C-alpha atoms as a PDB file:
ATOM      1  CA  UNK A   1       3.266 276.378 226.950  1.00  0.00           C
ATOM      2  CA  UNK A   2       1.182 273.404 225.835  1.00  0.00           C
ATOM      3  CA  UNK A   3      -1.049 271.418 228.196  1.00  0.00           C
ATOM      4  CA  UNK A   4       1.444 268.582 227.940  1.00  0.00           C
ATOM      5  CA  UNK A   5       4.339 270.839 228.928  1.00  0.00           C
ATOM      6  CA  UNK A   6       2.349 272.310 231.805  1.00  0.00           C
ATOM      7  CA  UNK A   7       1.489 268.807 233.051  1.00  0.00           C
ATOM      8  CA  UNK A   8       5.120 267.769 232.917  1.00  0.00           C
ATOM      9  CA  UNK A   9       6.277 270.960 234.578  1.00  0.00           C
ATOM     10  CA  UNK A  10       3.828 270.343 237.422  1.00  0.00           C
ATOM     11  CA  UNK A  11       5.477 266.989 238.116  1.00  0.00           C
ATOM     12  CA  UNK A  12       9.009 268.229 237.605  1.00  0.00           C
ATOM     13  CA  UNK A  13       9.466 265.818 234.684  1.00  0.00           C
ATOM     14  CA  UNK A  14      11.013 266.676 231.314  1.00  0.00           C
ATOM     15  CA  UNK A  15      11.012 263.224 229.681  1.00  0.00           C
ATOM     16  CA  UNK A  16       8.136 260.908 228.941  1.00  0.00           C
ATOM     17  CA  UNK A  17       7.545 257.269 228.100  1.00  0.00           C
ATOM     18  CA  UNK A  18       5.362 255.851 225.380  1.00  0.00           C
ATOM     19  CA  UNK A  19       2.748 253.311 226.432  1.00  0.00           C
ATOM     20  CA  UNK A  20       4.896 250.589 224.885  1.00  0.00           C
ATOM     21  CA  UNK A  21       7.957 251.666 226.872  1.00  0.00           C
ATOM     22  CA  UNK A  22       5.894 251.821 230.053  1.00  0.00           C
ATOM     23  CA  UNK A  23       4.588 248.325 229.351  1.00  0.00           C
ATOM     24  CA  UNK A  24       8.102 246.944 228.873  1.00  0.00           C
ATOM     25  CA  UNK A  25       9.400 248.651 232.020  1.00  0.00           C
ATOM     26  CA  UNK A  26       6.599 247.323 234.216  1.00  0.00           C
ATOM     27  CA  UNK A  27       5.786 244.026 232.446  1.00  0.00           C
ATOM     28  CA  UNK A  28       2.135 245.073 232.322  1.00  0.00           C
ATOM     29  CA  UNK A  29       0.537 244.583 228.882  1.00  0.00           C
ATOM     30  CA  UNK A  30      -0.413 247.655 226.877  1.00  0.00           C
ATOM     31  CA  UNK A  31      -4.040 246.521 226.719  1.00  0.00           C
ATOM     32  CA  UNK A  32      -4.143 246.274 230.507  1.00  0.00           C
ATOM     33  CA  UNK A  33      -2.839 249.834 230.879  1.00  0.00           C
ATOM     34  CA  UNK A  34      -5.574 251.040 228.544  1.00  0.00           C
ATOM     35  CA  UNK A  35      -8.197 249.012 230.408  1.00  0.00           C
ATOM     36  CA  UNK A  36      -7.112 250.472 233.760  1.00  0.00           C
ATOM     37  CA  UNK A  37      -7.194 253.990 232.341  1.00  0.00           C
ATOM     38  CA  UNK A  38     -10.707 253.458 231.000  1.00  0.00           C
ATOM     39  CA  UNK A  39     -12.031 251.639 234.052  1.00  0.00           C
ATOM     40  CA  UNK A  40     -10.225 253.327 236.948  1.00  0.00           C
ATOM     41  CA  UNK A  41      -8.786 256.576 235.566  1.00  0.00           C
ATOM     42  CA  UNK A  42      -5.188 255.476 236.262  1.00  0.00           C
ATOM     43  CA  UNK A  43      -2.506 255.487 235.015  1.00  0.00           C
ATOM     44  CA  UNK A  44      -3.655 258.724 233.357  1.00  0.00           C
ATOM     45  CA  UNK A  45      -1.516 259.609 230.327  1.00  0.00           C
ATOM     46  CA  UNK A  46      -0.663 262.946 228.845  1.00  0.00           C
ATOM     47  CA  UNK A  47      -1.956 263.112 225.287  1.00  0.00           C
ATOM     48  CA  UNK A  48       0.372 264.267 222.519  1.00  0.00           C
ATOM     49  CA  UNK A  49      -1.123 266.352 219.683  1.00  0.00           C
ATOM     50  CA  UNK A  50      -1.119 263.147 217.626  1.00  0.00           C
ATOM     51  CA  UNK A  51      -3.355 261.488 220.243  1.00  0.00           C
ATOM     52  CA  UNK A  52      -0.655 259.067 221.436  1.00  0.00           C
ATOM     53  CA  UNK A  53      -0.310 258.413 225.152  1.00  0.00           C
ATOM     54  CA  UNK A  54       2.848 259.436 227.020  1.00  0.00           C
ATOM     55  CA  UNK A  55       3.630 258.942 230.700  1.00  0.00           C
ATOM     56  CA  UNK A  56       5.888 260.528 233.285  1.00  0.00           C
ATOM     57  CA  UNK A  57       8.797 258.293 234.390  1.00  0.00           C
ATOM     58  CA  UNK A  58       7.354 258.176 237.915  1.00  0.00           C
ATOM     59  CA  UNK A  59       4.578 255.974 236.514  1.00  0.00           C
ATOM     60  CA  UNK A  60       7.094 253.118 236.282  1.00  0.00           C
ATOM     61  CA  UNK A  61       7.699 252.910 240.028  1.00  0.00           C
ATOM     62  CA  UNK A  62       4.016 253.338 240.783  1.00  0.00           C
ATOM     63  CA  UNK A  63       2.993 250.496 238.469  1.00  0.00           C
ATOM     64  CA  UNK A  64       5.767 248.186 239.650  1.00  0.00           C
ATOM     65  CA  UNK A  65       4.374 248.568 243.163  1.00  0.00           C
ATOM     66  CA  UNK A  66       0.854 248.018 241.865  1.00  0.00           C
ATOM     67  CA  UNK A  67       1.965 244.774 240.221  1.00  0.00           C
ATOM     68  CA  UNK A  68       3.470 243.520 243.488  1.00  0.00           C
ATOM     69  CA  UNK A  69       0.305 244.377 245.400  1.00  0.00           C
ATOM     70  CA  UNK A  70      -1.858 242.582 242.844  1.00  0.00           C
ATOM     71  CA  UNK A  71       0.162 239.451 243.574  1.00  0.00           C
ATOM     72  CA  UNK A  72      -0.802 239.877 247.240  1.00  0.00           C
ATOM     73  CA  UNK A  73      -4.499 239.844 246.370  1.00  0.00           C
ATOM     74  CA  UNK A  74      -5.373 243.534 246.049  1.00  0.00           C
ATOM     75  CA  UNK A  75      -7.777 244.679 243.352  1.00  0.00           C
ATOM     76  CA  UNK A  76      -6.701 247.328 240.823  1.00  0.00           C
ATOM     77  CA  UNK A  77      -9.568 249.667 241.696  1.00  0.00           C
ATOM     78  CA  UNK A  78      -8.346 249.818 245.312  1.00  0.00           C
ATOM     79  CA  UNK A  79      -4.728 250.761 244.631  1.00  0.00           C
ATOM     80  CA  UNK A  80      -4.216 252.397 241.238  1.00  0.00           C
ATOM     81  CA  UNK A  81      -4.878 255.936 242.495  1.00  0.00           C
ATOM     82  CA  UNK A  82      -2.724 255.651 245.620  1.00  0.00           C
ATOM     83  CA  UNK A  83       0.465 257.661 246.032  1.00  0.00           C
ATOM     84  CA  UNK A  84       3.892 256.026 246.210  1.00  0.00           C
ATOM     85  CA  UNK A  85       4.066 256.351 250.041  1.00  0.00           C
ATOM     86  CA  UNK A  86       0.594 254.818 250.349  1.00  0.00           C
ATOM     87  CA  UNK A  87       1.579 251.943 248.060  1.00  0.00           C
ATOM     88  CA  UNK A  88       4.750 251.396 250.076  1.00  0.00           C
ATOM     89  CA  UNK A  89       2.759 251.217 253.305  1.00  0.00           C
ATOM     90  CA  UNK A  90       0.458 248.593 251.807  1.00  0.00           C
ATOM     91  CA  UNK A  91       3.432 246.598 250.562  1.00  0.00           C
ATOM     92  CA  UNK A  92       4.942 246.671 254.031  1.00  0.00           C
ATOM     93  CA  UNK A  93       1.729 245.351 255.549  1.00  0.00           C
ATOM     94  CA  UNK A  94       1.343 242.644 252.902  1.00  0.00           C
ATOM     95  CA  UNK A  95       4.908 241.442 253.310  1.00  0.00           C
ATOM     96  CA  UNK A  96       4.428 241.201 257.068  1.00  0.00           C
ATOM     97  CA  UNK A  97       1.547 238.799 256.443  1.00  0.00           C
ATOM     98  CA  UNK A  98      -1.336 241.160 257.179  1.00  0.00           C
ATOM     99  CA  UNK A  99      -4.533 240.637 255.169  1.00  0.00           C
ATOM    100  CA  UNK A 100      -4.114 242.128 251.716  1.00  0.00           C
ATOM    101  CA  UNK A 101      -7.598 243.639 251.598  1.00  0.00           C
ATOM    102  CA  UNK A 102     -10.955 243.398 253.233  1.00  0.00           C
ATOM    103  CA  UNK A 103     -12.397 241.104 250.597  1.00  0.00           C
ATOM    104  CA  UNK A 104      -9.582 239.272 248.814  1.00  0.00           C
ATOM    105  CA  UNK A 105      -7.276 237.092 250.924  1.00  0.00           C
ATOM    106  CA  UNK A 106      -3.592 236.745 250.088  1.00  0.00           C
ATOM    107  CA  UNK A 107      -3.096 233.126 248.982  1.00  0.00           C
ATOM    108  CA  UNK A 108      -0.820 230.698 250.770  1.00  0.00           C
ATOM    109  CA  UNK A 109       1.861 228.859 248.740  1.00  0.00           C
ATOM    110  CA  UNK A 110       0.640 226.053 246.497  1.00  0.00           C
ATOM    111  CA  UNK A 111       0.556 222.641 248.169  1.00  0.00           C
ATOM    112  CA  UNK A 112      -0.869 219.792 246.101  1.00  0.00           C
ATOM    113  CA  UNK A 113      -1.043 217.375 249.020  1.00  0.00           C
ATOM    114  CA  UNK A 114      -2.892 219.907 251.179  1.00  0.00           C
ATOM    115  CA  UNK A 115      -5.374 220.570 248.376  1.00  0.00           C
ATOM    116  CA  UNK A 116      -6.028 216.839 247.948  1.00  0.00           C
ATOM    117  CA  UNK A 117      -6.611 216.555 251.687  1.00  0.00           C
ATOM    118  CA  UNK A 118      -9.161 219.362 251.447  1.00  0.00           C
ATOM    119  CA  UNK A 119     -10.991 217.519 248.696  1.00  0.00           C
ATOM    120  CA  UNK A 120     -11.058 214.322 250.742  1.00  0.00           C
ATOM    121  CA  UNK A 121     -12.550 216.186 253.706  1.00  0.00           C
ATOM    122  CA  UNK A 122     -15.169 217.742 251.438  1.00  0.00           C
ATOM    123  CA  UNK A 123     -16.101 214.330 250.052  1.00  0.00           C
ATOM    124  CA  UNK A 124     -16.457 212.868 253.540  1.00  0.00           C
ATOM    125  CA  UNK A 125     -18.640 215.795 254.593  1.00  0.00           C
ATOM    126  CA  UNK A 126     -20.812 215.255 251.516  1.00  0.00           C
ATOM    127  CA  UNK A 127     -21.288 211.546 252.196  1.00  0.00           C
ATOM    128  CA  UNK A 128     -22.104 212.325 255.837  1.00  0.00           C
ATOM    129  CA  UNK A 129     -24.477 215.119 254.770  1.00  0.00           C
ATOM    130  CA  UNK A 130     -22.537 217.316 257.198  1.00  0.00           C
ATOM    131  CA  UNK A 131     -23.267 220.866 256.118  1.00  0.00           C
ATOM    132  CA  UNK A 132     -21.301 222.720 258.849  1.00  0.00           C
ATOM    133  CA  UNK A 133     -18.134 220.748 258.086  1.00  0.00           C
ATOM    134  CA  UNK A 134     -18.499 221.134 254.318  1.00  0.00           C
ATOM    135  CA  UNK A 135     -19.135 224.891 254.459  1.00  0.00           C
ATOM    136  CA  UNK A 136     -16.320 225.411 256.960  1.00  0.00           C
ATOM    137  CA  UNK A 137     -13.906 223.631 254.629  1.00  0.00           C
ATOM    138  CA  UNK A 138     -14.955 225.864 251.716  1.00  0.00           C
ATOM    139  CA  UNK A 139     -14.576 228.989 253.825  1.00  0.00           C
ATOM    140  CA  UNK A 140     -11.133 227.883 254.970  1.00  0.00           C
ATOM    141  CA  UNK A 141     -10.106 227.270 251.359  1.00  0.00           C
ATOM    142  CA  UNK A 142     -11.262 230.756 250.364  1.00  0.00           C
ATOM    143  CA  UNK A 143      -9.307 232.366 253.202  1.00  0.00           C
ATOM    144  CA  UNK A 144      -6.113 230.372 252.636  1.00  0.00           C
ATOM    145  CA  UNK A 145      -5.967 229.991 248.860  1.00  0.00           C
ATOM    146  CA  UNK A 146      -7.516 233.202 247.557  1.00  0.00           C
ATOM    147  CA  UNK A 147     -10.396 233.439 245.078  1.00  0.00           C
ATOM    148  CA  UNK A 148      -8.935 231.936 241.907  1.00  0.00           C
ATOM    149  CA  UNK A 149      -7.250 228.899 243.473  1.00  0.00           C
ATOM    150  CA  UNK A 150     -10.210 228.265 245.738  1.00  0.00           C
ATOM    151  CA  UNK A 151     -12.555 228.296 242.744  1.00  0.00           C
ATOM    152  CA  UNK A 152     -10.393 226.192 240.433  1.00  0.00           C
ATOM    153  CA  UNK A 153      -8.494 223.851 242.743  1.00  0.00           C
ATOM    154  CA  UNK A 154     -11.172 223.269 245.367  1.00  0.00           C
ATOM    155  CA  UNK A 155     -14.707 224.210 244.296  1.00  0.00           C
ATOM    156  CA  UNK A 156     -14.400 223.160 240.664  1.00  0.00           C
ATOM    157  CA  UNK A 157     -12.433 220.012 241.518  1.00  0.00           C
ATOM    158  CA  UNK A 158     -14.936 219.110 244.229  1.00  0.00           C
ATOM    159  CA  UNK A 159     -17.932 219.433 241.899  1.00  0.00           C
ATOM    160  CA  UNK A 160     -16.142 217.268 239.336  1.00  0.00           C
ATOM    161  CA  UNK A 161     -15.457 214.598 241.942  1.00  0.00           C
ATOM    162  CA  UNK A 162     -19.063 214.720 243.142  1.00  0.00           C
ATOM    163  CA  UNK A 163     -20.296 214.097 239.622  1.00  0.00           C
ATOM    164  CA  UNK A 164     -17.847 211.228 239.150  1.00  0.00           C
ATOM    165  CA  UNK A 165     -18.821 209.678 242.493  1.00  0.00           C
ATOM    166  CA  UNK A 166     -22.479 209.768 241.482  1.00  0.00           C
ATOM    167  CA  UNK A 167     -21.845 208.202 238.063  1.00  0.00           C
ATOM    168  CA  UNK A 168     -19.646 205.495 239.637  1.00  0.00           C
ATOM    169  CA  UNK A 169     -22.266 204.620 242.231  1.00  0.00           C
ATOM    170  CA  UNK A 170     -20.172 205.869 245.166  1.00  0.00           C
ATOM    171  CA  UNK A 171     -22.725 208.583 245.968  1.00  0.00           C
ATOM    172  CA  UNK A 172     -26.454 208.935 245.469  1.00  0.00           C
ATOM    173  CA  UNK A 173     -28.671 211.712 244.209  1.00  0.00           C
ATOM    174  CA  UNK A 174     -29.205 213.097 247.704  1.00  0.00           C
ATOM    175  CA  UNK A 175     -25.451 213.502 248.126  1.00  0.00           C
ATOM    176  CA  UNK A 176     -25.038 215.292 244.805  1.00  0.00           C
ATOM    177  CA  UNK A 177     -27.950 217.664 245.465  1.00  0.00           C
ATOM    178  CA  UNK A 178     -26.734 218.339 248.984  1.00  0.00           C
ATOM    179  CA  UNK A 179     -23.189 219.114 247.807  1.00  0.00           C
ATOM    180  CA  UNK A 180     -24.304 221.499 245.095  1.00  0.00           C
ATOM    181  CA  UNK A 181     -26.718 223.306 247.433  1.00  0.00           C
ATOM    182  CA  UNK A 182     -23.867 223.906 249.912  1.00  0.00           C
ATOM    183  CA  UNK A 183     -21.485 225.061 247.174  1.00  0.00           C
ATOM    184  CA  UNK A 184     -24.085 227.373 245.618  1.00  0.00           C
ATOM    185  CA  UNK A 185     -24.847 228.995 248.964  1.00  0.00           C
ATOM    186  CA  UNK A 186     -21.132 229.430 249.631  1.00  0.00           C
ATOM    187  CA  UNK A 187     -20.450 231.010 246.244  1.00  0.00           C
ATOM    188  CA  UNK A 188     -23.343 233.437 246.616  1.00  0.00           C
ATOM    189  CA  UNK A 189     -22.169 234.405 250.093  1.00  0.00           C
ATOM    190  CA  UNK A 190     -18.575 235.188 249.054  1.00  0.00           C
ATOM    191  CA  UNK A 191     -19.782 237.127 245.996  1.00  0.00           C
ATOM    192  CA  UNK A 192     -22.204 239.338 247.906  1.00  0.00           C
ATOM    193  CA  UNK A 193     -19.644 241.731 249.484  1.00  0.00           C
ATOM    194  CA  UNK A 194     -18.035 242.309 246.093  1.00  0.00           C
ATOM    195  CA  UNK A 195     -21.422 242.894 244.488  1.00  0.00           C
ATOM    196  CA  UNK A 196     -22.109 245.598 247.057  1.00  0.00           C
ATOM    197  CA  UNK A 197     -18.775 247.324 246.415  1.00  0.00           C
ATOM    198  CA  UNK A 198     -18.605 246.855 242.627  1.00  0.00           C
ATOM    199  CA  UNK A 199     -18.197 250.029 240.568  1.00  0.00           C
ATOM    200  CA  UNK A 200     -16.995 248.535 237.292  1.00  0.00           C
ATOM    201  CA  UNK A 201     -18.740 247.667 234.055  1.00  0.00           C
ATOM    202  CA  UNK A 202     -21.885 245.560 233.970  1.00  0.00           C
ATOM    203  CA  UNK A 203     -21.886 242.023 232.590  1.00  0.00           C
ATOM    204  CA  UNK A 204     -24.860 239.739 232.022  1.00  0.00           C
ATOM    205  CA  UNK A 205     -24.315 236.154 233.222  1.00  0.00           C
ATOM    206  CA  UNK A 206     -26.494 233.247 232.128  1.00  0.00           C
ATOM    207  CA  UNK A 207     -26.605 229.770 230.585  1.00  0.00           C
ATOM    208  CA  UNK A 208     -28.149 228.327 227.457  1.00  0.00           C
ATOM    209  CA  UNK A 209     -31.809 227.274 227.751  1.00  0.00           C
ATOM    210  CA  UNK A 210     -32.195 223.757 229.097  1.00  0.00           C
ATOM    211  CA  UNK A 211     -28.925 223.847 231.014  1.00  0.00           C
ATOM    212  CA  UNK A 212     -29.069 221.988 234.328  1.00  0.00           C
ATOM    213  CA  UNK A 213     -25.558 222.722 235.636  1.00  0.00           C
ATOM    214  CA  UNK A 214     -25.098 226.100 237.299  1.00  0.00           C
ATOM    215  CA  UNK A 215     -21.758 225.624 239.052  1.00  0.00           C
ATOM    216  CA  UNK A 216     -19.599 227.041 236.267  1.00  0.00           C
ATOM    217  CA  UNK A 217     -21.696 230.169 235.974  1.00  0.00           C
ATOM    218  CA  UNK A 218     -21.654 230.728 239.729  1.00  0.00           C
ATOM    219  CA  UNK A 219     -17.871 230.408 239.839  1.00  0.00           C
ATOM    220  CA  UNK A 220     -17.343 232.727 236.869  1.00  0.00           C
ATOM    221  CA  UNK A 221     -19.667 235.292 238.449  1.00  0.00           C
ATOM    222  CA  UNK A 222     -17.641 235.247 241.671  1.00  0.00           C
ATOM    223  CA  UNK A 223     -14.462 235.889 239.692  1.00  0.00           C
ATOM    224  CA  UNK A 224     -16.086 238.733 237.771  1.00  0.00           C
ATOM    225  CA  UNK A 225     -17.322 240.319 240.991  1.00  0.00           C
ATOM    226  CA  UNK A 226     -13.869 240.014 242.590  1.00  0.00           C
ATOM    227  CA  UNK A 227     -12.524 242.026 239.659  1.00  0.00           C
ATOM    228  CA  UNK A 228     -15.053 244.771 240.287  1.00  0.00           C
ATOM    229  CA  UNK A 229     -17.622 243.931 237.618  1.00  0.00           C
ATOM    230  CA  UNK A 230     -21.295 244.464 238.355  1.00  0.00           C
ATOM    231  CA  UNK A 231     -22.856 241.112 237.548  1.00  0.00           C
ATOM    232  CA  UNK A 232     -26.449 240.899 236.361  1.00  0.00           C
ATOM    233  CA  UNK A 233     -26.932 237.250 237.246  1.00  0.00           C
ATOM    234  CA  UNK A 234     -29.778 235.646 235.282  1.00  0.00           C
ATOM    235  CA  UNK A 235     -28.931 232.053 236.158  1.00  0.00           C
ATOM    236  CA  UNK A 236     -30.459 229.036 234.437  1.00  0.00           C
ATOM    237  CA  UNK A 237     -32.996 228.973 231.682  1.00  0.00           C
ATOM    238  CA  UNK A 238     -33.241 232.589 230.511  1.00  0.00           C
ATOM    239  CA  UNK A 239     -34.561 232.610 226.924  1.00  0.00           C
ATOM    240  CA  UNK A 240     -31.908 233.775 224.489  1.00  0.00           C
ATOM    241  CA  UNK A 241     -34.318 236.333 223.032  1.00  0.00           C
ATOM    242  CA  UNK A 242     -34.362 238.122 226.408  1.00  0.00           C
ATOM    243  CA  UNK A 243     -30.602 238.693 226.610  1.00  0.00           C
ATOM    244  CA  UNK A 244     -30.211 241.667 224.230  1.00  0.00           C
ATOM    245  CA  UNK A 245     -32.790 243.640 226.225  1.00  0.00           C
ATOM    246  CA  UNK A 246     -31.114 242.691 229.512  1.00  0.00           C
ATOM    247  CA  UNK A 247     -27.719 243.779 228.206  1.00  0.00           C
ATOM    248  CA  UNK A 248     -29.145 247.063 226.929  1.00  0.00           C
ATOM    249  CA  UNK A 249     -30.891 247.795 230.219  1.00  0.00           C
ATOM    250  CA  UNK A 250     -27.612 247.845 232.144  1.00  0.00           C
ATOM    251  CA  UNK A 251     -25.344 248.994 229.287  1.00  0.00           C
ATOM    252  CA  UNK A 252     -23.393 245.749 229.643  1.00  0.00           C
ATOM    253  CA  UNK A 253     -19.768 245.428 228.608  1.00  0.00           C
ATOM    254  CA  UNK A 254     -20.183 241.702 227.865  1.00  0.00           C
ATOM    255  CA  UNK A 255     -22.600 238.790 227.956  1.00  0.00           C
ATOM    256  CA  UNK A 256     -21.209 235.731 229.738  1.00  0.00           C
ATOM    257  CA  UNK A 257     -22.600 232.258 228.986  1.00  0.00           C
ATOM    258  CA  UNK A 258     -21.590 229.055 230.759  1.00  0.00           C
ATOM    259  CA  UNK A 259     -22.068 225.828 228.772  1.00  0.00           C
ATOM    260  CA  UNK A 260     -21.639 222.452 230.444  1.00  0.00           C
ATOM    261  CA  UNK A 261     -20.842 219.179 228.713  1.00  0.00           C
ATOM    262  CA  UNK A 262     -24.492 218.186 229.194  1.00  0.00           C
ATOM    263  CA  UNK A 263     -25.443 220.429 226.256  1.00  0.00           C
ATOM    264  CA  UNK A 264     -24.901 218.651 222.888  1.00  0.00           C
ATOM    265  CA  UNK A 265     -22.133 220.380 220.943  1.00  0.00           C
ATOM    266  CA  UNK A 266     -24.214 220.936 217.806  1.00  0.00           C
ATOM    267  CA  UNK A 267     -26.929 222.618 219.809  1.00  0.00           C
ATOM    268  CA  UNK A 268     -24.417 224.716 221.759  1.00  0.00           C
ATOM    269  CA  UNK A 269     -22.848 225.907 218.493  1.00  0.00           C
ATOM    270  CA  UNK A 270     -26.218 226.752 217.010  1.00  0.00           C
ATOM    271  CA  UNK A 271     -27.530 228.643 220.024  1.00  0.00           C
ATOM    272  CA  UNK A 272     -24.321 230.571 220.675  1.00  0.00           C
ATOM    273  CA  UNK A 273     -24.259 231.636 217.020  1.00  0.00           C
ATOM    274  CA  UNK A 274     -27.893 232.725 217.220  1.00  0.00           C
ATOM    275  CA  UNK A 275     -27.179 234.699 220.376  1.00  0.00           C
ATOM    276  CA  UNK A 276     -24.171 236.351 218.777  1.00  0.00           C
ATOM    277  CA  UNK A 277     -26.301 237.512 215.850  1.00  0.00           C
ATOM    278  CA  UNK A 278     -28.923 238.960 218.187  1.00  0.00           C
ATOM    279  CA  UNK A 279     -26.451 241.085 220.162  1.00  0.00           C
ATOM    280  CA  UNK A 280     -24.965 244.410 219.033  1.00  0.00           C
ATOM    281  CA  UNK A 281     -21.667 243.931 217.200  1.00  0.00           C
ATOM    282  CA  UNK A 282     -19.790 246.016 219.740  1.00  0.00           C
ATOM    283  CA  UNK A 283     -20.907 243.767 222.619  1.00  0.00           C
ATOM    284  CA  UNK A 284     -18.539 240.851 223.329  1.00  0.00           C
ATOM    285  CA  UNK A 285     -19.942 237.393 223.988  1.00  0.00           C
ATOM    286  CA  UNK A 286     -17.832 235.366 226.416  1.00  0.00           C
ATOM    287  CA  UNK A 287     -18.398 231.607 226.637  1.00  0.00           C
ATOM    288  CA  UNK A 288     -16.858 229.035 228.939  1.00  0.00           C
ATOM    289  CA  UNK A 289     -17.376 225.570 230.336  1.00  0.00           C
ATOM    290  CA  UNK A 290     -16.720 222.045 229.126  1.00  0.00           C
ATOM    291  CA  UNK A 291     -19.420 222.338 226.441  1.00  0.00           C
ATOM    292  CA  UNK A 292     -18.548 225.811 225.165  1.00  0.00           C
ATOM    293  CA  UNK A 293     -18.156 226.017 221.374  1.00  0.00           C
ATOM    294  CA  UNK A 294     -14.936 227.312 219.798  1.00  0.00           C
ATOM    295  CA  UNK A 295     -14.182 231.011 219.656  1.00  0.00           C
ATOM    296  CA  UNK A 296     -15.348 232.855 216.570  1.00  0.00           C
ATOM    297  CA  UNK A 297     -16.014 236.326 215.319  1.00  0.00           C
ATOM    298  CA  UNK A 298     -17.375 238.259 218.283  1.00  0.00           C
ATOM    299  CA  UNK A 299     -17.234 235.154 220.510  1.00  0.00           C
ATOM    300  CA  UNK A 300     -14.398 234.740 223.025  1.00  0.00           C
ATOM    301  CA  UNK A 301     -13.955 231.325 224.639  1.00  0.00           C
ATOM    302  CA  UNK A 302     -12.310 230.821 228.025  1.00  0.00           C
ATOM    303  CA  UNK A 303     -11.331 227.227 228.649  1.00  0.00           C
ATOM    304  CA  UNK A 304     -10.573 227.787 232.334  1.00  0.00           C
ATOM    305  CA  UNK A 305     -11.232 230.297 235.078  1.00  0.00           C
ATOM    306  CA  UNK A 306      -7.512 231.146 234.965  1.00  0.00           C
ATOM    307  CA  UNK A 307      -7.926 232.170 231.330  1.00  0.00           C
ATOM    308  CA  UNK A 308     -10.879 234.373 232.246  1.00  0.00           C
ATOM    309  CA  UNK A 309      -8.907 235.848 235.147  1.00  0.00           C
ATOM    310  CA  UNK A 310      -5.999 236.744 232.853  1.00  0.00           C
ATOM    311  CA  UNK A 311      -8.397 238.374 230.409  1.00  0.00           C
ATOM    312  CA  UNK A 312     -10.083 240.469 233.092  1.00  0.00           C
ATOM    313  CA  UNK A 313      -6.937 241.881 234.667  1.00  0.00           C
ATOM    314  CA  UNK A 314      -3.715 240.431 233.219  1.00  0.00           C
ATOM    315  CA  UNK A 315      -0.706 241.364 235.345  1.00  0.00           C
ATOM    316  CA  UNK A 316       2.233 239.826 233.523  1.00  0.00           C
END
């Protein structure tokens, strides 16, 4: 009896699914299944002599439950190795409105008017230099909206409005500096628990030299940490020549660079290309932000945090 036959006999299964069939049955992309196998050891396939992956039919029900739990805010690393009864218990708790996990809140339904009201309260707190009120509003947004919507719809939108208010003369430098200091402290505080629990691949996070805007990098780093990545955060101003050594030191899976619109496009193109040439070919370079150059060979561009989120762990 082959290893494959023994594995199937142990589960009582006689038929198997290809990875493509499993993907179609669960609506989880093939690349995601491979990523989960590599990163979390599940779903673990049985290898045919040809090297192709095959899966027991029970994997379908397991992964359908996993997909539903992901929608409630769970992280793949927390749930992929759970049994069907354990997954069902978590689903029951999530559907009753219990917190989805210790670190990632289950988001409330989208409400544009409520989000606009949040932004107005944040702006008032900024103009009043009211740190407790501003931080409380950010914390409430995190708890109610979940990481991605909090980052995109509230934090990112708030920073954009702060910049516009300053350029229009509705706010002064002290207001802008105050707002960013509060946001930066908030983002570091929500990332810290995930940093402590992270067991995934390392990524190096930085900006181009001369960058003065750190908000995009902070937000991307939070999202990476939520997905279980171990973020080596280098922040502003790290010389490009230092990045290959930093990536090698932690055996990074990617280098992440945030580029704001303050960086001239020609310079951003030139420096990203130079960085790409200095990194090993196997090492992806991820760029994002309003000033990020177009994608190219070995350079992946993420126009939004949602795009980055889908790349990290796509679920549909």
